[in-house]
Structures are given as C-alpha cells and as structure tokens.
C-alpha cells in the first residue's frame, strides 16, 4: 500500500533553509540534499510504519548522506509531514516545534 503525503506549511521553509545552506557551501550540494529528501519521502510512502516513533504518534525517518530527519504522522492512508530538522538540533526544541505544529495540523 502506498500512502499519500501531505505537508504542513512550515515544512517548505525547513526544506528551503536546508537547501540554501548546502547550496551556499558547495554549488550543487543543495540539489543533492533535495534529491535525498525526496528519496526519503519515497521510502516513507512505501513503508511509513517502518520508521520509529519518537513522540506519541510522530515518526522519524533519516535522510541518507545528510544529518537531517523527516518527522511525520500516519493517519489512515495519508502521511502528514510535520518537519525536516537537522539531527544536531536540541531534541527538546524539536519536540516543542512538533507539538506546536501538531496543534496547527
């Protein structure tokens, strides 16, 4: 079963910030970051329940090659993406942001 993916509005800002940072470091690296992000989403679509829960029903899937994780929740046949965060970020801050975004979902 494949799941549909829906993004909360703030996710676009998360992705663009990561893209800009990597593209600013090395030309083309931002594009590779986006490819890994979309590849991660494809994996989530195929098997979202294979990712571990990190906060209540919110799950996390790690990007390959980049220290980022996609945070999402499975609801019926839909995956709701709550954020894309750098893995070195304070886990309490990530959790706080996820709670805030969950309230907006």
N, C-alpha and C. Protein backbone atom coordinates (compact mmCIF):
# COMPACT_ATOMS: atom_id res chain seq x y z
N UNK A 1 0.84 -1.19 0.00
CA UNK A 1 0.00 0.00 0.00
C UNK A 1 0.87 1.24 0.00
N UNK A 2 0.58 2.15 -0.89
CA UNK A 2 1.29 3.43 -0.93
C UNK A 2 0.42 4.49 -0.28
N UNK A 3 1.05 5.37 0.42
CA UNK A 3 0.36 6.43 1.15
C UNK A 3 0.50 7.76 0.42
N UNK A 4 -0.51 8.60 0.54
CA UNK A 4 -0.42 9.97 0.05
C UNK A 4 0.36 10.78 1.07
N UNK A 5 1.06 11.80 0.61
CA UNK A 5 1.83 12.65 1.52
C UNK A 5 1.26 14.06 1.49
N UNK A 6 1.08 14.61 2.70
CA UNK A 6 0.63 15.99 2.84
C UNK A 6 1.65 16.71 3.73
N UNK A 7 2.01 17.91 3.36
CA UNK A 7 2.98 18.69 4.10
C UNK A 7 2.29 19.82 4.86
N UNK A 8 2.70 20.02 6.10
CA UNK A 8 2.26 21.22 6.80
C UNK A 8 3.00 22.40 6.19
N UNK A 9 2.42 23.60 6.25
CA UNK A 9 3.03 24.76 5.58
C UNK A 9 4.48 25.05 5.99
N UNK A 10 4.84 24.83 7.24
CA UNK A 10 6.20 25.15 7.71
C UNK A 10 7.27 24.25 7.12
N UNK A 11 6.88 23.11 6.59
CA UNK A 11 7.86 22.16 6.06
C UNK A 11 8.61 22.75 4.87
N UNK A 12 7.91 23.51 4.06
CA UNK A 12 8.58 24.14 2.90
C UNK A 12 9.74 25.02 3.36
N UNK A 13 9.52 25.76 4.44
CA UNK A 13 10.59 26.62 4.97
C UNK A 13 11.76 25.78 5.47
N UNK A 14 11.46 24.64 6.11
CA UNK A 14 12.52 23.75 6.60
C UNK A 14 13.38 23.26 5.43
N UNK A 15 12.72 22.84 4.36
CA UNK A 15 13.43 22.28 3.20
C UNK A 15 14.25 23.36 2.50
N UNK A 16 13.66 24.52 2.30
CA UNK A 16 14.36 25.61 1.62
C UNK A 16 15.58 26.06 2.44
N UNK A 17 15.45 26.11 3.75
CA UNK A 17 16.59 26.51 4.59
C UNK A 17 17.74 25.52 4.45
N UNK A 18 17.43 24.22 4.47
CA UNK A 18 18.47 23.21 4.28
C UNK A 18 19.12 23.30 2.91
N UNK A 19 18.28 23.47 1.89
CA UNK A 19 18.78 23.61 0.52
C UNK A 19 19.74 24.80 0.41
N UNK A 20 19.32 25.94 0.91
CA UNK A 20 20.15 27.15 0.81
C UNK A 20 21.48 26.99 1.54
N UNK A 21 21.43 26.37 2.71
CA UNK A 21 22.67 26.21 3.47
C UNK A 21 23.66 25.36 2.69
N UNK A 22 23.22 24.21 2.18
CA UNK A 22 24.12 23.32 1.45
C UNK A 22 24.54 23.93 0.11
N UNK A 23 23.64 24.58 -0.56
CA UNK A 23 23.98 25.19 -1.85
C UNK A 23 25.00 26.32 -1.65
N UNK A 24 24.90 27.00 -0.49
CA UNK A 24 25.86 28.05 -0.17
C UNK A 24 27.25 27.52 0.13
N UNK A 25 27.33 26.27 0.57
CA UNK A 25 28.62 25.66 0.87
C UNK A 25 29.33 25.17 -0.39
N UNK A 26 28.58 24.43 -1.21
CA UNK A 26 29.15 23.88 -2.45
C UNK A 26 28.05 23.90 -3.51
N UNK A 27 28.33 24.51 -4.63
CA UNK A 27 27.35 24.57 -5.71
C UNK A 27 26.93 23.15 -6.11
N UNK A 28 25.63 22.90 -6.10
CA UNK A 28 25.09 21.60 -6.46
C UNK A 28 24.78 20.71 -5.26
N UNK A 29 25.37 21.02 -4.11
CA UNK A 29 25.11 20.21 -2.93
C UNK A 29 23.68 20.38 -2.43
N UNK A 30 23.13 21.56 -2.62
CA UNK A 30 21.72 21.79 -2.26
C UNK A 30 20.80 20.91 -3.09
N UNK A 31 21.14 20.73 -4.36
CA UNK A 31 20.34 19.86 -5.24
C UNK A 31 20.42 18.41 -4.75
N UNK A 32 21.59 17.98 -4.32
CA UNK A 32 21.75 16.63 -3.79
C UNK A 32 20.94 16.46 -2.50
N UNK A 33 20.93 17.49 -1.68
CA UNK A 33 20.12 17.49 -0.46
C UNK A 33 18.64 17.28 -0.81
N UNK A 34 18.15 18.00 -1.81
CA UNK A 34 16.75 17.84 -2.24
C UNK A 34 16.49 16.43 -2.76
N UNK A 35 17.42 15.88 -3.51
CA UNK A 35 17.26 14.51 -4.02
C UNK A 35 17.15 13.51 -2.87
N UNK A 36 17.97 13.68 -1.86
CA UNK A 36 17.92 12.77 -0.71
C UNK A 36 16.62 12.97 0.08
N UNK A 37 16.14 14.19 0.15
CA UNK A 37 14.86 14.47 0.83
C UNK A 37 13.72 13.76 0.10
N UNK A 38 13.67 13.89 -1.22
CA UNK A 38 12.60 13.24 -1.99
C UNK A 38 12.74 11.72 -1.99
N UNK A 39 13.96 11.21 -1.96
CA UNK A 39 14.16 9.77 -1.85
C UNK A 39 13.66 9.26 -0.50
N UNK A 40 13.90 10.02 0.54
CA UNK A 40 13.41 9.66 1.87
C UNK A 40 11.88 9.62 1.87
N UNK A 41 11.26 10.59 1.22
CA UNK A 41 9.80 10.62 1.14
C UNK A 41 9.25 9.39 0.41
N UNK A 42 9.94 8.96 -0.64
CA UNK A 42 9.51 7.76 -1.37
C UNK A 42 9.55 6.54 -0.46
N UNK A 43 10.59 6.45 0.34
CA UNK A 43 10.68 5.34 1.30
C UNK A 43 9.56 5.40 2.33
N UNK A 44 9.25 6.59 2.77
CA UNK A 44 8.15 6.77 3.73
C UNK A 44 6.83 6.35 3.08
N UNK A 45 6.62 6.74 1.83
CA UNK A 45 5.38 6.37 1.13
C UNK A 45 5.21 4.85 1.08
N UNK A 46 6.30 4.14 0.82
CA UNK A 46 6.24 2.68 0.69
C UNK A 46 6.02 1.98 2.03
N UNK A 47 6.67 2.49 3.09
CA UNK A 47 6.59 1.80 4.38
C UNK A 47 6.71 2.79 5.55
N UNK A 48 5.71 3.61 5.77
CA UNK A 48 5.81 4.60 6.84
C UNK A 48 5.87 3.99 8.24
N UNK A 49 5.27 2.84 8.42
CA UNK A 49 5.26 2.21 9.74
C UNK A 49 6.60 1.57 10.09
N UNK A 50 7.51 1.53 9.13
CA UNK A 50 8.86 1.03 9.37
C UNK A 50 9.75 2.02 10.08
N UNK A 51 9.33 3.26 10.16
CA UNK A 51 10.09 4.30 10.86
C UNK A 51 9.68 4.32 12.33
N UNK A 52 10.64 4.58 13.19
CA UNK A 52 10.36 4.53 14.62
C UNK A 52 9.60 5.77 15.10
N UNK A 53 8.77 5.55 16.12
CA UNK A 53 8.06 6.65 16.77
C UNK A 53 9.03 7.37 17.70
N UNK A 54 8.90 8.69 17.70
CA UNK A 54 9.78 9.48 18.57
C UNK A 54 8.99 10.35 19.53
N UNK A 55 7.75 10.64 19.21
CA UNK A 55 6.90 11.45 20.08
C UNK A 55 5.45 11.09 19.79
N UNK A 56 4.81 10.43 20.72
CA UNK A 56 3.43 9.95 20.55
C UNK A 56 3.32 9.20 19.23
N UNK A 57 2.55 9.73 18.29
CA UNK A 57 2.35 9.06 17.00
C UNK A 57 3.27 9.60 15.90
N UNK A 58 4.12 10.54 16.24
CA UNK A 58 5.03 11.13 15.25
C UNK A 58 6.25 10.23 15.09
N UNK A 59 6.57 9.95 13.84
CA UNK A 59 7.69 9.07 13.48
C UNK A 59 8.81 9.88 12.84
N UNK A 60 9.98 9.25 12.74
CA UNK A 60 11.15 9.93 12.17
C UNK A 60 11.83 9.01 11.17
N UNK A 61 12.21 9.59 10.02
CA UNK A 61 12.98 8.88 9.01
C UNK A 61 14.19 9.73 8.66
N UNK A 62 15.37 9.10 8.68
CA UNK A 62 16.62 9.81 8.43
C UNK A 62 16.94 9.90 6.95
N UNK A 63 17.46 11.05 6.53
CA UNK A 63 17.95 11.21 5.16
C UNK A 63 19.29 10.50 5.03
N UNK A 64 19.56 9.97 3.87
CA UNK A 64 20.89 9.43 3.59
C UNK A 64 21.82 10.58 3.26
N UNK A 65 23.08 10.47 3.65
CA UNK A 65 24.15 11.42 3.33
C UNK A 65 24.06 12.76 4.04
N UNK A 66 22.94 13.10 4.64
CA UNK A 66 22.78 14.39 5.29
C UNK A 66 22.22 14.18 6.69
N UNK A 67 22.68 14.96 7.66
CA UNK A 67 22.23 14.77 9.05
C UNK A 67 20.87 15.42 9.32
N UNK A 68 19.88 15.02 8.57
CA UNK A 68 18.53 15.54 8.69
C UNK A 68 17.54 14.40 8.86
N UNK A 69 16.38 14.72 9.45
CA UNK A 69 15.34 13.72 9.62
C UNK A 69 13.98 14.34 9.26
N UNK A 70 13.13 13.54 8.66
CA UNK A 70 11.75 13.92 8.34
C UNK A 70 10.88 13.39 9.48
N UNK A 71 10.06 14.26 10.03
CA UNK A 71 9.14 13.90 11.10
C UNK A 71 7.73 13.90 10.53
N UNK A 72 7.00 12.81 10.79
CA UNK A 72 5.68 12.65 10.18
C UNK A 72 4.76 11.80 11.04
N UNK A 73 3.47 11.84 10.69
CA UNK A 73 2.46 11.01 11.35
C UNK A 73 1.65 10.31 10.28
N UNK A 74 1.29 9.05 10.53
CA UNK A 74 0.46 8.28 9.62
C UNK A 74 -0.98 8.38 10.10
N UNK A 75 -1.85 8.75 9.19
CA UNK A 75 -3.27 8.89 9.52
C UNK A 75 -4.08 8.27 8.38
N UNK A 76 -4.69 7.12 8.63
CA UNK A 76 -5.41 6.36 7.60
C UNK A 76 -4.42 6.04 6.48
N UNK A 77 -4.71 6.48 5.25
CA UNK A 77 -3.79 6.21 4.13
C UNK A 77 -3.00 7.46 3.74
N UNK A 78 -2.79 8.32 4.71
CA UNK A 78 -2.09 9.58 4.47
C UNK A 78 -0.93 9.73 5.44
N UNK A 79 0.17 10.26 4.94
CA UNK A 79 1.32 10.62 5.76
C UNK A 79 1.34 12.14 5.84
N UNK A 80 1.33 12.66 7.06
CA UNK A 80 1.38 14.11 7.27
C UNK A 80 2.78 14.45 7.74
N UNK A 81 3.51 15.24 6.95
CA UNK A 81 4.89 15.61 7.28
C UNK A 81 4.85 16.88 8.11
N UNK A 82 5.47 16.79 9.31
CA UNK A 82 5.47 17.90 10.25
C UNK A 82 6.74 18.74 10.18
N UNK A 83 7.83 18.15 9.71
CA UNK A 83 9.05 18.94 9.67
C UNK A 83 10.24 18.17 9.15
N UNK A 84 11.26 18.93 8.81
CA UNK A 84 12.57 18.42 8.40
C UNK A 84 13.58 19.17 9.26
N UNK A 85 14.25 18.43 10.16
CA UNK A 85 15.14 19.08 11.12
C UNK A 85 16.53 18.46 11.09
N UNK A 86 17.53 19.29 11.35
CA UNK A 86 18.91 18.84 11.47
C UNK A 86 19.01 17.98 12.73
N UNK A 87 19.72 16.88 12.64
CA UNK A 87 19.81 15.93 13.75
C UNK A 87 20.61 16.44 14.94
N UNK A 88 21.41 17.48 14.76
CA UNK A 88 22.18 18.04 15.86
C UNK A 88 21.36 19.04 16.67
N UNK A 89 20.18 19.32 16.21
CA UNK A 89 19.32 20.26 16.91
C UNK A 89 18.87 19.65 18.24
N UNK A 90 18.67 20.49 19.24
CA UNK A 90 18.25 20.05 20.57
C UNK A 90 16.93 19.28 20.47
N UNK A 91 16.90 18.01 20.92
CA UNK A 91 15.68 17.21 20.81
C UNK A 91 14.47 17.85 21.51
N UNK A 92 14.71 18.57 22.60
CA UNK A 92 13.59 19.24 23.28
C UNK A 92 13.01 20.35 22.41
N UNK A 93 13.87 21.01 21.67
CA UNK A 93 13.39 22.07 20.77
C UNK A 93 12.61 21.47 19.59
N UNK A 94 13.09 20.35 19.08
CA UNK A 94 12.36 19.65 18.01
C UNK A 94 11.00 19.23 18.52
N UNK A 95 10.98 18.61 19.70
CA UNK A 95 9.71 18.16 20.28
C UNK A 95 8.75 19.32 20.47
N UNK A 96 9.24 20.44 20.96
CA UNK A 96 8.42 21.62 21.17
C UNK A 96 7.83 22.13 19.85
N UNK A 97 8.65 22.15 18.82
CA UNK A 97 8.19 22.58 17.50
C UNK A 97 7.16 21.61 16.95
N UNK A 98 7.39 20.31 17.13
CA UNK A 98 6.43 19.30 16.66
C UNK A 98 5.09 19.45 17.37
N UNK A 99 5.12 19.70 18.68
CA UNK A 99 3.87 19.89 19.43
C UNK A 99 3.11 21.09 18.88
N UNK A 100 3.82 22.18 18.65
CA UNK A 100 3.19 23.39 18.11
C UNK A 100 2.58 23.11 16.74
N UNK A 101 3.34 22.44 15.88
CA UNK A 101 2.84 22.15 14.53
C UNK A 101 1.70 21.15 14.57
N UNK A 102 1.75 20.22 15.53
CA UNK A 102 0.68 19.23 15.65
C UNK A 102 -0.64 19.92 16.00
N UNK A 103 -0.57 20.94 16.82
CA UNK A 103 -1.76 21.70 17.19
C UNK A 103 -2.35 22.43 15.99
N UNK A 104 -1.49 22.81 15.03
CA UNK A 104 -1.92 23.54 13.84
C UNK A 104 -2.45 22.60 12.75
N UNK A 105 -2.14 21.30 12.87
CA UNK A 105 -2.48 20.34 11.80
C UNK A 105 -3.95 20.10 11.69
